[in-house]
Amino acid sequence: MPDQQTIRAYDELARQQAAFQRNRRPESIYRLIKTFFHPGRPTADIGSGSGRDVVWLEQHGYPTIGFEPSQGMINEARAAYAGINVQQAALPDLAGIADASFDNVLCVAVLMHLPIAELTGATVNLARILRPGGRLIVSYRTPPPDGERTPDGRLYTDIPLTHFILLLESVGMRVLVVEEAPDTSRPGIQWINVVGERV
């Protein structure tokens, strides 16, 4: 199951977290989307947060549904973006999302909020909702230097890249791209971007 302490933190901090997200543009993710996602095809943003990426995807020709576990963040997204399609669903299960229902799946800044024991189930379900030939873009970050749980309660699990790649391959995904880059404003934090394709 998702980490309830993390979801509570996002509910309580929804307004400031949504503002923080809307003030950042993940240019590396948008570049990967333009390169690898199937234009015009059904797209899911798993852990859609403030709604920023759902709106960007829609504006660039990817019909998108956002899925988010925090009701507070859903409320912020709906308040900021009229007509946005955001529904409640959470990793690892993605309950309520049908098998093979998307050609593109985006999952940014989500996996590290899951307990490590839930990573296998999350990977299974990210692959499950993709159609054959569908593309998955995952981005996650390393924990803060002072530990996996921040003072506000959010979990940042350490996910070894080699372990995650093996998980993807074990559920029928072919890894196309792996990128690593430092966070632009927080020293000691690394971001990992992985692009996979459902075989």
Protein backbone atom coordinates (compact mmCIF):
# COMPACT_ATOMS: atom_id res chain seq x y z
CA MET A 1 0.00 0.00 0.00
CA PRO A 2 1.13 3.61 -0.43
CA ASP A 3 2.94 5.33 2.43
CA GLN A 4 0.12 6.95 4.37
CA GLN A 5 2.41 9.36 6.20
CA THR A 6 3.59 10.75 2.86
CA ILE A 7 0.04 11.16 1.56
CA ARG A 8 -0.98 12.95 4.77
CA ALA A 9 1.99 15.31 4.35
CA TYR A 10 0.92 16.18 0.81
CA ASP A 11 -2.67 16.71 1.97
CA GLU A 12 -1.50 19.07 4.71
CA LEU A 13 1.02 20.91 2.53
CA ALA A 14 -1.00 20.79 -0.69
CA ARG A 15 -1.10 24.52 -1.37
CA GLN A 16 2.62 25.14 -0.96
CA GLN A 17 3.59 21.91 -2.72
CA ALA A 18 1.36 22.74 -5.69
CA ALA A 19 2.90 26.22 -5.91
CA PHE A 20 6.41 24.74 -5.71
CA GLN A 21 5.67 22.29 -8.52
CA ARG A 22 4.06 24.88 -10.77
CA ASN A 23 7.14 27.11 -10.44
CA ARG A 24 9.48 24.40 -11.79
CA ARG A 25 9.68 23.15 -15.38
CA PRO A 26 11.11 19.65 -15.77
CA GLU A 27 12.71 20.34 -19.15
CA SER A 28 14.52 16.99 -19.25
CA ILE A 29 11.19 15.17 -18.81
CA TYR A 30 9.47 17.25 -21.48
CA ARG A 31 12.33 16.49 -23.87
CA LEU A 32 11.93 12.75 -23.23
CA ILE A 33 8.16 12.99 -23.73
CA LYS A 34 8.58 14.70 -27.10
CA THR A 35 11.12 12.06 -28.13
CA PHE A 36 9.44 8.86 -26.93
CA PHE A 37 5.72 9.28 -26.24
CA HIS A 38 3.17 8.42 -28.93
CA PRO A 39 1.47 11.69 -30.01
CA GLY A 40 -2.30 11.77 -29.90
CA ARG A 41 -2.56 8.54 -27.88
CA PRO A 42 -4.13 7.99 -24.42
CA THR A 43 -1.72 9.10 -21.71
CA ALA A 44 -1.64 8.68 -17.92
CA ASP A 45 0.23 10.88 -15.46
CA ILE A 46 0.68 8.71 -12.36
CA GLY A 47 1.12 10.90 -9.29
CA SER A 48 -0.04 14.02 -11.11
CA GLY A 49 0.35 16.34 -8.11
CA SER A 50 -0.32 19.97 -8.97
CA GLY A 51 -1.60 19.07 -12.45
CA ARG A 52 1.28 20.91 -14.14
CA ASP A 53 2.31 17.98 -16.34
CA VAL A 54 -1.25 16.94 -17.21
CA VAL A 55 -1.82 20.42 -18.62
CA TRP A 56 1.52 20.45 -20.47
CA LEU A 57 0.78 17.04 -22.01
CA GLU A 58 -2.68 18.13 -23.13
CA GLN A 59 -1.28 21.32 -24.66
CA HIS A 60 1.27 19.28 -26.62
CA GLY A 61 -1.12 16.76 -28.11
CA TYR A 62 -1.20 13.92 -25.57
CA PRO A 63 -4.76 13.35 -24.26
CA THR A 64 -4.10 12.82 -20.55
CA ILE A 65 -5.72 11.64 -17.35
CA GLY A 66 -3.96 12.43 -14.08
CA PHE A 67 -4.03 9.96 -11.20
CA GLU A 68 -3.12 11.18 -7.73
CA PRO A 69 -3.47 9.68 -4.21
CA SER A 70 -3.63 12.99 -2.29
CA GLN A 71 -7.06 14.59 -2.24
CA GLY A 72 -5.44 17.87 -1.24
CA MET A 73 -3.30 17.86 -4.37
CA ILE A 74 -6.29 16.90 -6.53
CA ASN A 75 -8.19 19.88 -5.11
CA GLU A 76 -5.26 22.21 -5.90
CA ALA A 77 -5.00 20.89 -9.48
CA ARG A 78 -8.71 21.36 -10.11
CA ALA A 79 -8.63 24.86 -8.64
CA ALA A 80 -5.66 25.91 -10.78
CA TYR A 81 -6.67 24.32 -14.09
CA ALA A 82 -10.28 24.44 -15.21
CA GLY A 83 -11.47 21.20 -16.80
CA ILE A 84 -8.43 19.13 -15.83
CA ASN A 85 -9.12 15.38 -15.71
CA VAL A 86 -7.61 14.15 -12.43
CA GLN A 87 -8.80 11.06 -10.60
CA GLN A 88 -7.83 9.39 -7.34
CA ALA A 89 -5.58 6.33 -7.64
CA ALA A 90 -2.36 5.27 -5.99
CA LEU A 91 0.66 3.10 -6.55
CA PRO A 92 1.46 0.30 -6.05
CA ASP A 93 -1.97 -1.09 -7.03
CA LEU A 94 -3.37 1.57 -9.39
CA ALA A 95 -6.78 0.14 -8.50
CA GLY A 96 -9.51 1.15 -10.92
CA ILE A 97 -7.18 1.59 -13.90
CA ALA A 98 -7.84 -1.06 -16.55
CA ASP A 99 -5.14 -3.25 -18.06
CA ALA A 100 -3.54 -2.04 -21.31
CA SER A 101 -5.45 1.24 -21.30
CA PHE A 102 -2.65 3.71 -22.14
CA ASP A 103 -0.01 4.14 -24.83
CA ASN A 104 2.00 6.58 -22.69
CA VAL A 105 2.55 6.54 -18.93
CA LEU A 106 4.40 9.27 -17.03
CA CYS A 107 5.48 8.77 -13.42
CA VAL A 108 7.55 11.68 -12.08
CA ALA A 109 8.71 12.10 -8.47
CA VAL A 110 6.54 9.26 -7.17
CA LEU A 111 8.37 5.94 -6.82
CA MET A 112 10.72 7.21 -4.10
CA HIS A 113 7.67 7.88 -1.89
CA LEU A 114 6.87 4.14 -1.77
CA PRO A 115 8.33 1.70 0.75
CA ILE A 116 10.95 -0.42 -0.98
CA ALA A 117 8.80 -3.53 -0.46
CA GLU A 118 6.11 -1.97 -2.70
CA LEU A 119 8.44 -1.24 -5.62
CA THR A 120 7.89 -4.60 -7.32
CA GLY A 121 4.10 -4.26 -7.23
CA ALA A 122 4.33 -0.68 -8.47
CA THR A 123 6.47 -1.73 -11.43
CA VAL A 124 4.10 -4.59 -12.27
CA ASN A 125 1.15 -2.21 -12.36
CA LEU A 126 2.89 0.53 -14.34
CA ALA A 127 3.56 -2.13 -16.99
CA ARG A 128 0.05 -3.58 -16.63
CA ILE A 129 -1.73 -0.38 -17.66
CA LEU A 130 0.44 0.02 -20.79
CA ARG A 131 -0.51 -1.38 -24.16
CA PRO A 132 2.09 -3.41 -26.10
CA GLY A 133 4.49 -0.92 -27.62
CA GLY A 134 3.49 1.67 -25.03
CA ARG A 135 6.14 3.88 -23.47
CA LEU A 136 6.84 4.57 -19.80
CA ILE A 137 8.84 7.52 -18.47
CA VAL A 138 9.81 7.30 -14.80
CA SER A 139 11.75 9.92 -12.88
CA TYR A 140 12.73 9.58 -9.23
CA ARG A 141 15.27 11.15 -6.90
CA THR A 142 17.69 10.01 -4.25
CA PRO A 143 16.92 10.55 -0.55
CA PRO A 144 17.96 13.72 1.29
CA PRO A 145 21.48 13.51 2.74
CA ASP A 146 20.11 13.31 6.30
CA GLY A 147 17.84 10.27 5.85
CA GLU A 148 14.86 8.73 4.08
CA ARG A 149 12.10 10.50 6.07
CA THR A 150 11.85 14.30 5.99
CA PRO A 151 10.62 16.27 9.04
CA ASP A 152 7.21 16.78 7.41
CA GLY A 153 6.78 12.99 7.16
CA ARG A 154 7.47 12.32 3.49
CA LEU A 155 9.33 9.12 2.64
CA TYR A 156 12.25 9.14 0.20
CA THR A 157 13.26 5.55 -0.43
CA ASP A 158 16.67 4.80 -1.88
CA ILE A 159 16.03 2.93 -5.16
CA PRO A 160 19.19 1.44 -6.72
CA LEU A 161 19.08 2.01 -10.47
CA THR A 162 20.28 -1.50 -11.33
CA HIS A 163 17.51 -2.98 -9.17
CA PHE A 164 14.84 -0.86 -10.87
CA ILE A 165 16.08 -1.77 -14.35
CA LEU A 166 15.94 -5.47 -13.48
CA LEU A 167 12.38 -5.00 -12.21
CA LEU A 168 11.33 -3.31 -15.44
CA GLU A 169 12.85 -6.09 -17.54
CA SER A 170 11.19 -8.74 -15.37
CA VAL A 171 7.71 -7.33 -16.15
CA GLY A 172 8.16 -7.21 -19.91
CA MET A 173 9.67 -3.75 -20.36
CA ARG A 174 12.61 -2.95 -22.60
CA VAL A 175 14.75 -0.12 -21.21
CA LEU A 176 15.45 2.49 -23.89
CA VAL A 177 17.15 5.33 -22.01
CA VAL A 178 18.70 5.93 -18.60
CA GLU A 179 19.78 9.41 -17.45
CA GLU A 180 21.19 10.69 -14.18
CA ALA A 181 21.56 14.36 -13.25
CA PRO A 182 22.00 16.46 -10.10
CA ASP A 183 19.09 18.50 -8.78
CA THR A 184 19.53 22.09 -9.92
CA SER A 185 18.81 23.66 -6.52
CA ARG A 186 19.35 21.02 -3.82
CA PRO A 187 22.94 19.83 -3.29
CA GLY A 188 23.42 16.10 -2.79
CA ILE A 189 20.22 15.11 -4.63
CA GLN A 190 20.37 13.12 -7.88
CA TRP A 191 17.52 12.54 -10.33
CA ILE A 192 17.21 9.32 -12.33
CA ASN A 193 15.14 9.24 -15.54
CA VAL A 194 14.28 5.92 -17.16
CA VAL A 195 12.38 5.34 -20.40
CA GLY A 196 10.93 1.88 -21.07
CA GLU A 197 8.77 0.24 -23.72
CA ARG A 198 6.22 -2.51 -23.16
CA VAL A 199 7.30 -5.48 -25.26
